[in-house]
């Protein structure tokens, strides 16, 4: 695992999740919702989390992997575009 999280960012526990009544998993990064996992994929994720229950870094790694590479540094607000002038 040390090769995956070289800068120890997962120790800060940036990811959290919430399970809805319907079995959907909502994943948050630093308090902001970033992904909703549904149906079979949600079931698989919850099963994996249950296997590593109590191992905070392992749960963080699972959440990070399922969100994919969502953070690339280009999350800045878009510039306002001018309306159609034609």
PDB file of N, CA and C in Angstrom:
ATOM      1  N   UNK A   1       0.814  -1.194   0.000  1.00  0.00           N
ATOM      2  CA  UNK A   1       0.000   0.000   0.000  1.00  0.00           C
ATOM      3  C   UNK A   1       0.856   1.256   0.000  1.00  0.00           C
ATOM      4  N   UNK A   2       2.067   1.203   0.560  1.00  0.00           N
ATOM      5  CA  UNK A   2       2.916   2.380   0.632  1.00  0.00           C
ATOM      6  C   UNK A   2       3.260   2.906  -0.756  1.00  0.00           C
ATOM      7  N   UNK A   3       3.318   2.048  -1.751  1.00  0.00           N
ATOM      8  CA  UNK A   3       3.595   2.491  -3.114  1.00  0.00           C
ATOM      9  C   UNK A   3       2.413   3.244  -3.713  1.00  0.00           C
ATOM     10  N   UNK A   4       1.211   2.952  -3.252  1.00  0.00           N
ATOM     11  CA  UNK A   4       0.015   3.590  -3.793  1.00  0.00           C
ATOM     12  C   UNK A   4      -0.176   4.981  -3.201  1.00  0.00           C
ATOM     13  N   UNK A   5      -0.026   5.114  -1.905  1.00  0.00           N
ATOM     14  CA  UNK A   5      -0.263   6.373  -1.204  1.00  0.00           C
ATOM     15  C   UNK A   5       1.056   6.946  -0.705  1.00  0.00           C
ATOM     16  N   UNK A   6       1.912   7.322  -1.626  1.00  0.00           N
ATOM     17  CA  UNK A   6       3.264   7.754  -1.279  1.00  0.00           C
ATOM     18  C   UNK A   6       3.276   9.014  -0.412  1.00  0.00           C
ATOM     19  N   UNK A   7       2.302   9.900  -0.608  1.00  0.00           N
ATOM     20  CA  UNK A   7       2.276  11.157   0.145  1.00  0.00           C
ATOM     21  C   UNK A   7       1.372  11.073   1.381  1.00  0.00           C
ATOM     22  N   UNK A   8       0.910   9.876   1.698  1.00  0.00           N
ATOM     23  CA  UNK A   8       0.087   9.637   2.886  1.00  0.00           C
ATOM     24  C   UNK A   8      -1.141  10.535   2.976  1.00  0.00           C
ATOM     25  N   UNK A   9      -1.776  10.793   1.859  1.00  0.00           N
ATOM     26  CA  UNK A   9      -2.980  11.626   1.848  1.00  0.00           C
ATOM     27  C   UNK A   9      -4.182  10.893   2.432  1.00  0.00           C
ATOM     28  N   UNK A  10      -4.188   9.575   2.324  1.00  0.00           N
ATOM     29  CA  UNK A  10      -5.325   8.819   2.845  1.00  0.00           C
ATOM     30  C   UNK A  10      -5.360   8.799   4.368  1.00  0.00           C
ATOM     31  N   UNK A  11      -4.248   9.096   5.003  1.00  0.00           N
ATOM     32  CA  UNK A  11      -4.225   9.173   6.466  1.00  0.00           C
ATOM     33  C   UNK A  11      -5.113  10.291   6.983  1.00  0.00           C
ATOM     34  N   UNK A  12      -5.346  11.309   6.171  1.00  0.00           N
ATOM     35  CA  UNK A  12      -6.192  12.439   6.561  1.00  0.00           C
ATOM     36  C   UNK A  12      -7.680  12.107   6.395  1.00  0.00           C
ATOM     37  N   UNK A  13      -7.982  10.939   5.875  1.00  0.00           N
ATOM     38  CA  UNK A  13      -9.348  10.472   5.641  1.00  0.00           C
ATOM     39  C   UNK A  13     -10.182  11.475   4.841  1.00  0.00           C
ATOM     40  N   UNK A  14      -9.754  11.775   3.597  1.00  0.00           N
ATOM     41  CA  UNK A  14     -10.512  12.742   2.795  1.00  0.00           C
ATOM     42  C   UNK A  14     -11.836  12.183   2.265  1.00  0.00           C
ATOM     43  N   UNK A  15     -11.946  10.868   2.185  1.00  0.00           N
ATOM     44  CA  UNK A  15     -13.154  10.251   1.643  1.00  0.00           C
ATOM     45  C   UNK A  15     -14.090   9.820   2.759  1.00  0.00           C
ATOM     46  N   UNK A  16     -15.383   9.952   2.476  1.00  0.00           N
ATOM     47  CA  UNK A  16     -16.400   9.408   3.363  1.00  0.00           C
ATOM     48  C   UNK A  16     -17.523   8.893   2.467  1.00  0.00           C
ATOM     49  N   UNK A  17     -18.414   8.118   3.051  1.00  0.00           N
ATOM     50  CA  UNK A  17     -19.522   7.590   2.262  1.00  0.00           C
ATOM     51  C   UNK A  17     -20.754   7.471   3.124  1.00  0.00           C
ATOM     52  N   UNK A  18     -21.882   7.409   2.431  1.00  0.00           N
ATOM     53  CA  UNK A  18     -23.159   7.257   3.098  1.00  0.00           C
ATOM     54  C   UNK A  18     -23.986   6.282   2.275  1.00  0.00           C
ATOM     55  N   UNK A  19     -24.681   5.383   2.940  1.00  0.00           N
ATOM     56  CA  UNK A  19     -25.538   4.419   2.268  1.00  0.00           C
ATOM     57  C   UNK A  19     -26.988   4.856   2.438  1.00  0.00           C
ATOM     58  N   UNK A  20     -27.733   4.891   1.339  1.00  0.00           N
ATOM     59  CA  UNK A  20     -29.138   5.273   1.410  1.00  0.00           C
ATOM     60  C   UNK A  20     -30.000   4.048   1.683  1.00  0.00           C
ATOM     61  N   UNK A  21     -31.273   4.286   1.923  1.00  0.00           N
ATOM     62  CA  UNK A  21     -32.208   3.189   2.180  1.00  0.00           C
ATOM     63  C   UNK A  21     -32.321   2.254   0.978  1.00  0.00           C
ATOM     64  N   UNK A  22     -32.140   2.781  -0.215  1.00  0.00           N
ATOM     65  CA  UNK A  22     -32.244   1.979  -1.431  1.00  0.00           C
ATOM     66  C   UNK A  22     -30.967   1.191  -1.737  1.00  0.00           C
ATOM     67  N   UNK A  23     -29.938   1.375  -0.921  1.00  0.00           N
ATOM     68  CA  UNK A  23     -28.682   0.655  -1.142  1.00  0.00           C
ATOM     69  C   UNK A  23     -27.687   1.409  -1.983  1.00  0.00           C
ATOM     70  N   UNK A  24     -28.011   2.632  -2.360  1.00  0.00           N
ATOM     71  CA  UNK A  24     -27.095   3.471  -3.117  1.00  0.00           C
ATOM     72  C   UNK A  24     -26.007   3.995  -2.174  1.00  0.00           C
ATOM     73  N   UNK A  25     -24.790   4.097  -2.691  1.00  0.00           N
ATOM     74  CA  UNK A  25     -23.681   4.613  -1.897  1.00  0.00           C
ATOM     75  C   UNK A  25     -23.291   5.977  -2.463  1.00  0.00           C
ATOM     76  N   UNK A  26     -23.299   6.980  -1.604  1.00  0.00           N
ATOM     77  CA  UNK A  26     -22.894   8.331  -1.989  1.00  0.00           C
ATOM     78  C   UNK A  26     -21.505   8.555  -1.413  1.00  0.00           C
ATOM     79  N   UNK A  27     -20.558   8.914  -2.280  1.00  0.00           N
ATOM     80  CA  UNK A  27     -19.168   9.094  -1.857  1.00  0.00           C
ATOM     81  C   UNK A  27     -18.840  10.586  -1.853  1.00  0.00           C
ATOM     82  N   UNK A  28     -18.163  11.000  -0.776  1.00  0.00           N
ATOM     83  CA  UNK A  28     -17.781  12.398  -0.595  1.00  0.00           C
ATOM     84  C   UNK A  28     -16.262  12.505  -0.513  1.00  0.00           C
ATOM     85  N   UNK A  29     -15.750  13.616  -1.018  1.00  0.00           N
ATOM     86  CA  UNK A  29     -14.324  13.934  -0.883  1.00  0.00           C
ATOM     87  C   UNK A  29     -14.257  15.292  -0.205  1.00  0.00           C
ATOM     88  N   UNK A  30     -13.659  15.330   0.965  1.00  0.00           N
ATOM     89  CA  UNK A  30     -13.563  16.542   1.771  1.00  0.00           C
ATOM     90  C   UNK A  30     -14.923  17.213   1.922  1.00  0.00           C
ATOM     91  N   UNK A  31     -15.953  16.403   2.136  1.00  0.00           N
ATOM     92  CA  UNK A  31     -17.294  16.910   2.385  1.00  0.00           C
ATOM     93  C   UNK A  31     -18.123  17.209   1.153  1.00  0.00           C
ATOM     94  N   UNK A  32     -17.533  17.098  -0.030  1.00  0.00           N
ATOM     95  CA  UNK A  32     -18.257  17.387  -1.265  1.00  0.00           C
ATOM     96  C   UNK A  32     -18.617  16.081  -1.957  1.00  0.00           C
ATOM     97  N   UNK A  33     -19.870  15.975  -2.390  1.00  0.00           N
ATOM     98  CA  UNK A  33     -20.314  14.767  -3.080  1.00  0.00           C
ATOM     99  C   UNK A  33     -19.622  14.676  -4.434  1.00  0.00           C
ATOM    100  N   UNK A  34     -19.023  13.510  -4.693  1.00  0.00           N
ATOM    101  CA  UNK A  34     -18.306  13.362  -5.962  1.00  0.00           C
ATOM    102  C   UNK A  34     -18.790  12.190  -6.789  1.00  0.00           C
ATOM    103  N   UNK A  35     -19.479  11.222  -6.166  1.00  0.00           N
ATOM    104  CA  UNK A  35     -19.910  10.063  -6.941  1.00  0.00           C
ATOM    105  C   UNK A  35     -21.068   9.372  -6.237  1.00  0.00           C
ATOM    106  N   UNK A  36     -21.964   8.819  -7.071  1.00  0.00           N
ATOM    107  CA  UNK A  36     -23.055   7.996  -6.575  1.00  0.00           C
ATOM    108  C   UNK A  36     -22.897   6.618  -7.209  1.00  0.00           C
ATOM    109  N   UNK A  37     -22.869   5.598  -6.369  1.00  0.00           N
ATOM    110  CA  UNK A  37     -22.695   4.223  -6.833  1.00  0.00           C
ATOM    111  C   UNK A  37     -24.008   3.493  -6.582  1.00  0.00           C
ATOM    112  N   UNK A  38     -24.521   2.820  -7.611  1.00  0.00           N
ATOM    113  CA  UNK A  38     -25.828   2.179  -7.502  1.00  0.00           C
ATOM    114  C   UNK A  38     -25.752   0.689  -7.793  1.00  0.00           C
ATOM    115  N   UNK A  39     -26.808   0.008  -7.414  1.00  0.00           N
ATOM    116  CA  UNK A  39     -27.096  -1.386  -7.730  1.00  0.00           C
ATOM    117  C   UNK A  39     -25.935  -2.331  -7.439  1.00  0.00           C
ATOM    118  N   UNK A  40     -25.564  -3.156  -8.401  1.00  0.00           N
ATOM    119  CA  UNK A  40     -24.548  -4.206  -8.198  1.00  0.00           C
ATOM    120  C   UNK A  40     -23.201  -3.629  -7.793  1.00  0.00           C
ATOM    121  N   UNK A  41     -22.840  -2.519  -8.406  1.00  0.00           N
ATOM    122  CA  UNK A  41     -21.548  -1.900  -8.077  1.00  0.00           C
ATOM    123  C   UNK A  41     -21.541  -1.454  -6.609  1.00  0.00           C
ATOM    124  N   UNK A  42     -22.663  -0.913  -6.126  1.00  0.00           N
ATOM    125  CA  UNK A  42     -22.770  -0.510  -4.725  1.00  0.00           C
ATOM    126  C   UNK A  42     -22.690  -1.726  -3.806  1.00  0.00           C
ATOM    127  N   UNK A  43     -23.326  -2.815  -4.179  1.00  0.00           N
ATOM    128  CA  UNK A  43     -23.283  -4.039  -3.382  1.00  0.00           C
ATOM    129  C   UNK A  43     -21.852  -4.557  -3.264  1.00  0.00           C
ATOM    130  N   UNK A  44     -21.131  -4.551  -4.381  1.00  0.00           N
ATOM    131  CA  UNK A  44     -19.735  -5.016  -4.371  1.00  0.00           C
ATOM    132  C   UNK A  44     -18.867  -4.121  -3.493  1.00  0.00           C
ATOM    133  N   UNK A  45     -19.070  -2.806  -3.609  1.00  0.00           N
ATOM    134  CA  UNK A  45     -18.286  -1.863  -2.807  1.00  0.00           C
ATOM    135  C   UNK A  45     -18.547  -2.082  -1.320  1.00  0.00           C
ATOM    136  N   UNK A  46     -19.795  -2.207  -0.934  1.00  0.00           N
ATOM    137  CA  UNK A  46     -20.132  -2.405   0.475  1.00  0.00           C
ATOM    138  C   UNK A  46     -19.571  -3.723   1.007  1.00  0.00           C
ATOM    139  N   UNK A  47     -19.557  -4.748   0.162  1.00  0.00           N
ATOM    140  CA  UNK A  47     -18.992  -6.038   0.573  1.00  0.00           C
ATOM    141  C   UNK A  47     -17.486  -5.900   0.816  1.00  0.00           C
ATOM    142  N   UNK A  48     -16.803  -5.171  -0.067  1.00  0.00           N
ATOM    143  CA  UNK A  48     -15.363  -4.967   0.096  1.00  0.00           C
ATOM    144  C   UNK A  48     -15.063  -4.145   1.344  1.00  0.00           C
ATOM    145  N   UNK A  49     -15.888  -3.120   1.595  1.00  0.00           N
ATOM    146  CA  UNK A  49     -15.695  -2.285   2.783  1.00  0.00           C
ATOM    147  C   UNK A  49     -15.893  -3.118   4.040  1.00  0.00           C
ATOM    148  N   UNK A  50     -16.868  -3.994   4.013  1.00  0.00           N
ATOM    149  CA  UNK A  50     -17.132  -4.848   5.182  1.00  0.00           C
ATOM    150  C   UNK A  50     -15.944  -5.772   5.462  1.00  0.00           C
ATOM    151  N   UNK A  51     -15.264  -6.232   4.393  1.00  0.00           N
ATOM    152  CA  UNK A  51     -14.102  -7.114   4.555  1.00  0.00           C
ATOM    153  C   UNK A  51     -12.952  -6.410   5.262  1.00  0.00           C
ATOM    154  N   UNK A  52     -12.783  -5.116   5.025  1.00  0.00           N
ATOM    155  CA  UNK A  52     -11.660  -4.370   5.610  1.00  0.00           C
ATOM    156  C   UNK A  52     -12.120  -3.443   6.728  1.00  0.00           C
ATOM    157  N   UNK A  53     -13.280  -3.717   7.282  1.00  0.00           N
ATOM    158  CA  UNK A  53     -13.849  -2.892   8.334  1.00  0.00           C
ATOM    159  C   UNK A  53     -12.848  -2.710   9.475  1.00  0.00           C
ATOM    160  N   UNK A  54     -12.718  -1.478   9.917  1.00  0.00           N
ATOM    161  CA  UNK A  54     -11.768  -1.179  10.991  1.00  0.00           C
ATOM    162  C   UNK A  54     -10.394  -0.759  10.481  1.00  0.00           C
ATOM    163  N   UNK A  55     -10.112  -0.988   9.224  1.00  0.00           N
ATOM    164  CA  UNK A  55      -8.834  -0.593   8.625  1.00  0.00           C
ATOM    165  C   UNK A  55      -9.082   0.671   7.807  1.00  0.00           C
ATOM    166  N   UNK A  56      -8.936   1.800   8.451  1.00  0.00           N
ATOM    167  CA  UNK A  56      -9.321   3.084   7.866  1.00  0.00           C
ATOM    168  C   UNK A  56      -8.636   3.341   6.526  1.00  0.00           C
ATOM    169  N   UNK A  57      -7.342   3.078   6.468  1.00  0.00           N
ATOM    170  CA  UNK A  57      -6.602   3.368   5.235  1.00  0.00           C
ATOM    171  C   UNK A  57      -7.083   2.477   4.086  1.00  0.00           C
ATOM    172  N   UNK A  58      -7.428   1.229   4.391  1.00  0.00           N
ATOM    173  CA  UNK A  58      -7.927   0.322   3.358  1.00  0.00           C
ATOM    174  C   UNK A  58      -9.279   0.796   2.827  1.00  0.00           C
ATOM    175  N   UNK A  59     -10.148   1.267   3.718  1.00  0.00           N
ATOM    176  CA  UNK A  59     -11.452   1.795   3.289  1.00  0.00           C
ATOM    177  C   UNK A  59     -11.242   3.035   2.432  1.00  0.00           C
ATOM    178  N   UNK A  60     -10.332   3.904   2.845  1.00  0.00           N
ATOM    179  CA  UNK A  60     -10.022   5.104   2.065  1.00  0.00           C
ATOM    180  C   UNK A  60      -9.533   4.728   0.670  1.00  0.00           C
ATOM    181  N   UNK A  61      -8.704   3.704   0.591  1.00  0.00           N
ATOM    182  CA  UNK A  61      -8.174   3.261  -0.690  1.00  0.00           C
ATOM    183  C   UNK A  61      -9.293   2.735  -1.586  1.00  0.00           C
ATOM    184  N   UNK A  62     -10.219   1.970  -1.032  1.00  0.00           N
ATOM    185  CA  UNK A  62     -11.358   1.476  -1.815  1.00  0.00           C
ATOM    186  C   UNK A  62     -12.190   2.631  -2.365  1.00  0.00           C
ATOM    187  N   UNK A  63     -12.452   3.614  -1.531  1.00  0.00           N
ATOM    188  CA  UNK A  63     -13.241   4.766  -1.968  1.00  0.00           C
ATOM    189  C   UNK A  63     -12.494   5.563  -3.034  1.00  0.00           C
ATOM    190  N   UNK A  64     -11.197   5.704  -2.858  1.00  0.00           N
ATOM    191  CA  UNK A  64     -10.393   6.431  -3.843  1.00  0.00           C
ATOM    192  C   UNK A  64     -10.411   5.714  -5.192  1.00  0.00           C
ATOM    193  N   UNK A  65     -10.275   4.401  -5.149  1.00  0.00           N
ATOM    194  CA  UNK A  65     -10.241   3.633  -6.397  1.00  0.00           C
ATOM    195  C   UNK A  65     -11.566   3.692  -7.141  1.00  0.00           C
ATOM    196  N   UNK A  66     -12.681   3.629  -6.416  1.00  0.00           N
ATOM    197  CA  UNK A  66     -13.971   3.611  -7.104  1.00  0.00           C
ATOM    198  C   UNK A  66     -14.314   4.973  -7.692  1.00  0.00           C
ATOM    199  N   UNK A  67     -13.751   6.035  -7.124  1.00  0.00           N
ATOM    200  CA  UNK A  67     -14.024   7.360  -7.683  1.00  0.00           C
ATOM    201  C   UNK A  67     -13.199   7.616  -8.930  1.00  0.00           C
ATOM    202  N   UNK A  68     -12.160   6.836  -9.118  1.00  0.00           N
ATOM    203  CA  UNK A  68     -11.328   7.005 -10.305  1.00  0.00           C
ATOM    204  C   UNK A  68     -10.434   8.219 -10.161  1.00  0.00           C
ATOM    205  N   UNK A  69      -9.979   8.705 -11.259  1.00  0.00           N
ATOM    206  CA  UNK A  69      -9.060   9.837 -11.271  1.00  0.00           C
ATOM    207  C   UNK A  69      -9.870  11.112 -11.471  1.00  0.00           C
ATOM    208  N   UNK A  70     -10.690  11.454 -10.476  1.00  0.00           N
ATOM    209  CA  UNK A  70     -11.576  12.599 -10.639  1.00  0.00           C
ATOM    210  C   UNK A  70     -10.871  13.928 -10.442  1.00  0.00           C
ATOM    211  N   UNK A  71      -9.749  13.941  -9.780  1.00  0.00           N
ATOM    212  CA  UNK A  71      -9.089  15.200  -9.430  1.00  0.00           C
ATOM    213  C   UNK A  71      -7.815  15.359 -10.253  1.00  0.00           C
ATOM    214  N   UNK A  72      -7.833  16.294 -11.177  1.00  0.00           N
ATOM    215  CA  UNK A  72      -6.697  16.490 -12.068  1.00  0.00           C
ATOM    216  C   UNK A  72      -6.112  17.900 -11.979  1.00  0.00           C
ATOM    217  N   UNK A  73      -6.647  18.736 -11.104  1.00  0.00           N
ATOM    218  CA  UNK A  73      -6.120  20.089 -10.985  1.00  0.00           C
ATOM    219  C   UNK A  73      -6.846  21.098 -11.838  1.00  0.00           C
ATOM    220  N   UNK A  74      -7.844  20.648 -12.602  1.00  0.00           N
ATOM    221  CA  UNK A  74      -8.563  21.578 -13.472  1.00  0.00           C
ATOM    222  C   UNK A  74      -9.979  21.815 -12.944  1.00  0.00           C
ATOM    223  N   UNK A  75     -10.144  21.805 -11.625  1.00  0.00           N
ATOM    224  CA  UNK A  75     -11.459  21.955 -11.032  1.00  0.00           C
ATOM    225  C   UNK A  75     -11.850  23.417 -10.861  1.00  0.00           C
ATOM    226  N   UNK A  76     -11.087  24.329 -11.421  1.00  0.00           N
ATOM    227  CA  UNK A  76     -11.381  25.750 -11.267  1.00  0.00           C
ATOM    228  C   UNK A  76     -12.717  26.072 -11.928  1.00  0.00           C
ATOM    229  N   UNK A  77     -13.317  27.136 -11.474  1.00  0.00           N
ATOM    230  CA  UNK A  77     -14.583  27.550 -12.059  1.00  0.00           C
ATOM    231  C   UNK A  77     -14.379  27.981 -13.502  1.00  0.00           C
ATOM    232  N   UNK A  78     -15.328  27.638 -14.332  1.00  0.00           N
ATOM    233  CA  UNK A  78     -15.250  28.013 -15.743  1.00  0.00           C
ATOM    234  C   UNK A  78     -15.464  29.516 -15.881  1.00  0.00           C
ATOM    235  N   UNK A  79     -14.843  30.093 -16.882  1.00  0.00           N
ATOM    236  CA  UNK A  79     -15.039  31.518 -17.134  1.00  0.00           C
ATOM    237  C   UNK A  79     -16.441  31.718 -17.692  1.00  0.00           C
ATOM    238  N   UNK A  80     -17.109  32.797 -17.289  1.00  0.00           N
ATOM    239  CA  UNK A  80     -18.436  33.038 -17.850  1.00  0.00           C
ATOM    240  C   UNK A  80     -18.344  33.276 -19.345  1.00  0.00           C
ATOM    241  N   UNK A  81     -19.267  32.658 -20.088  1.00  0.00           N
ATOM    242  CA  UNK A  81     -19.247  32.811 -21.531  1.00  0.00           C
ATOM    243  C   UNK A  81     -20.216  33.897 -21.945  1.00  0.00           C
ATOM    244  N   UNK A  82     -19.855  34.595 -23.005  1.00  0.00           N
ATOM    245  CA  UNK A  82     -20.711  35.650 -23.513  1.00  0.00           C
ATOM    246  C   UNK A  82     -21.907  35.020 -24.213  1.00  0.00           C
ATOM    247  N   UNK A  83     -23.029  35.680 -24.179  1.00  0.00           N
ATOM    248  CA  UNK A  83     -24.223  35.181 -24.844  1.00  0.00           C
ATOM    249  C   UNK A  83     -24.091  35.249 -26.363  1.00  0.00           C
ATOM    250  N   UNK A  84     -25.019  34.655 -27.046  1.00  0.00           N
ATOM    251  CA  UNK A  84     -25.009  34.681 -28.521  1.00  0.00           C
ATOM    252  C   UNK A  84     -25.302  36.086 -29.009  1.00  0.00           C
ATOM    253  N   UNK A  85     -24.415  36.592 -29.772  1.00  0.00           N
ATOM    254  CA  UNK A  85     -24.578  37.959 -30.305  1.00  0.00           C
ATOM    255  C   UNK A  85     -24.679  37.918 -31.818  1.00  0.00           C
ATOM    256  N   UNK A  86     -25.520  37.134 -32.287  1.00  0.00           N
ATOM    257  CA  UNK A  86     -25.470  37.046 -33.727  1.00  0.00           C
ATOM    258  C   UNK A  86     -26.743  36.823 -34.279  1.00  0.00           C
TER     259      UNK A  86
END
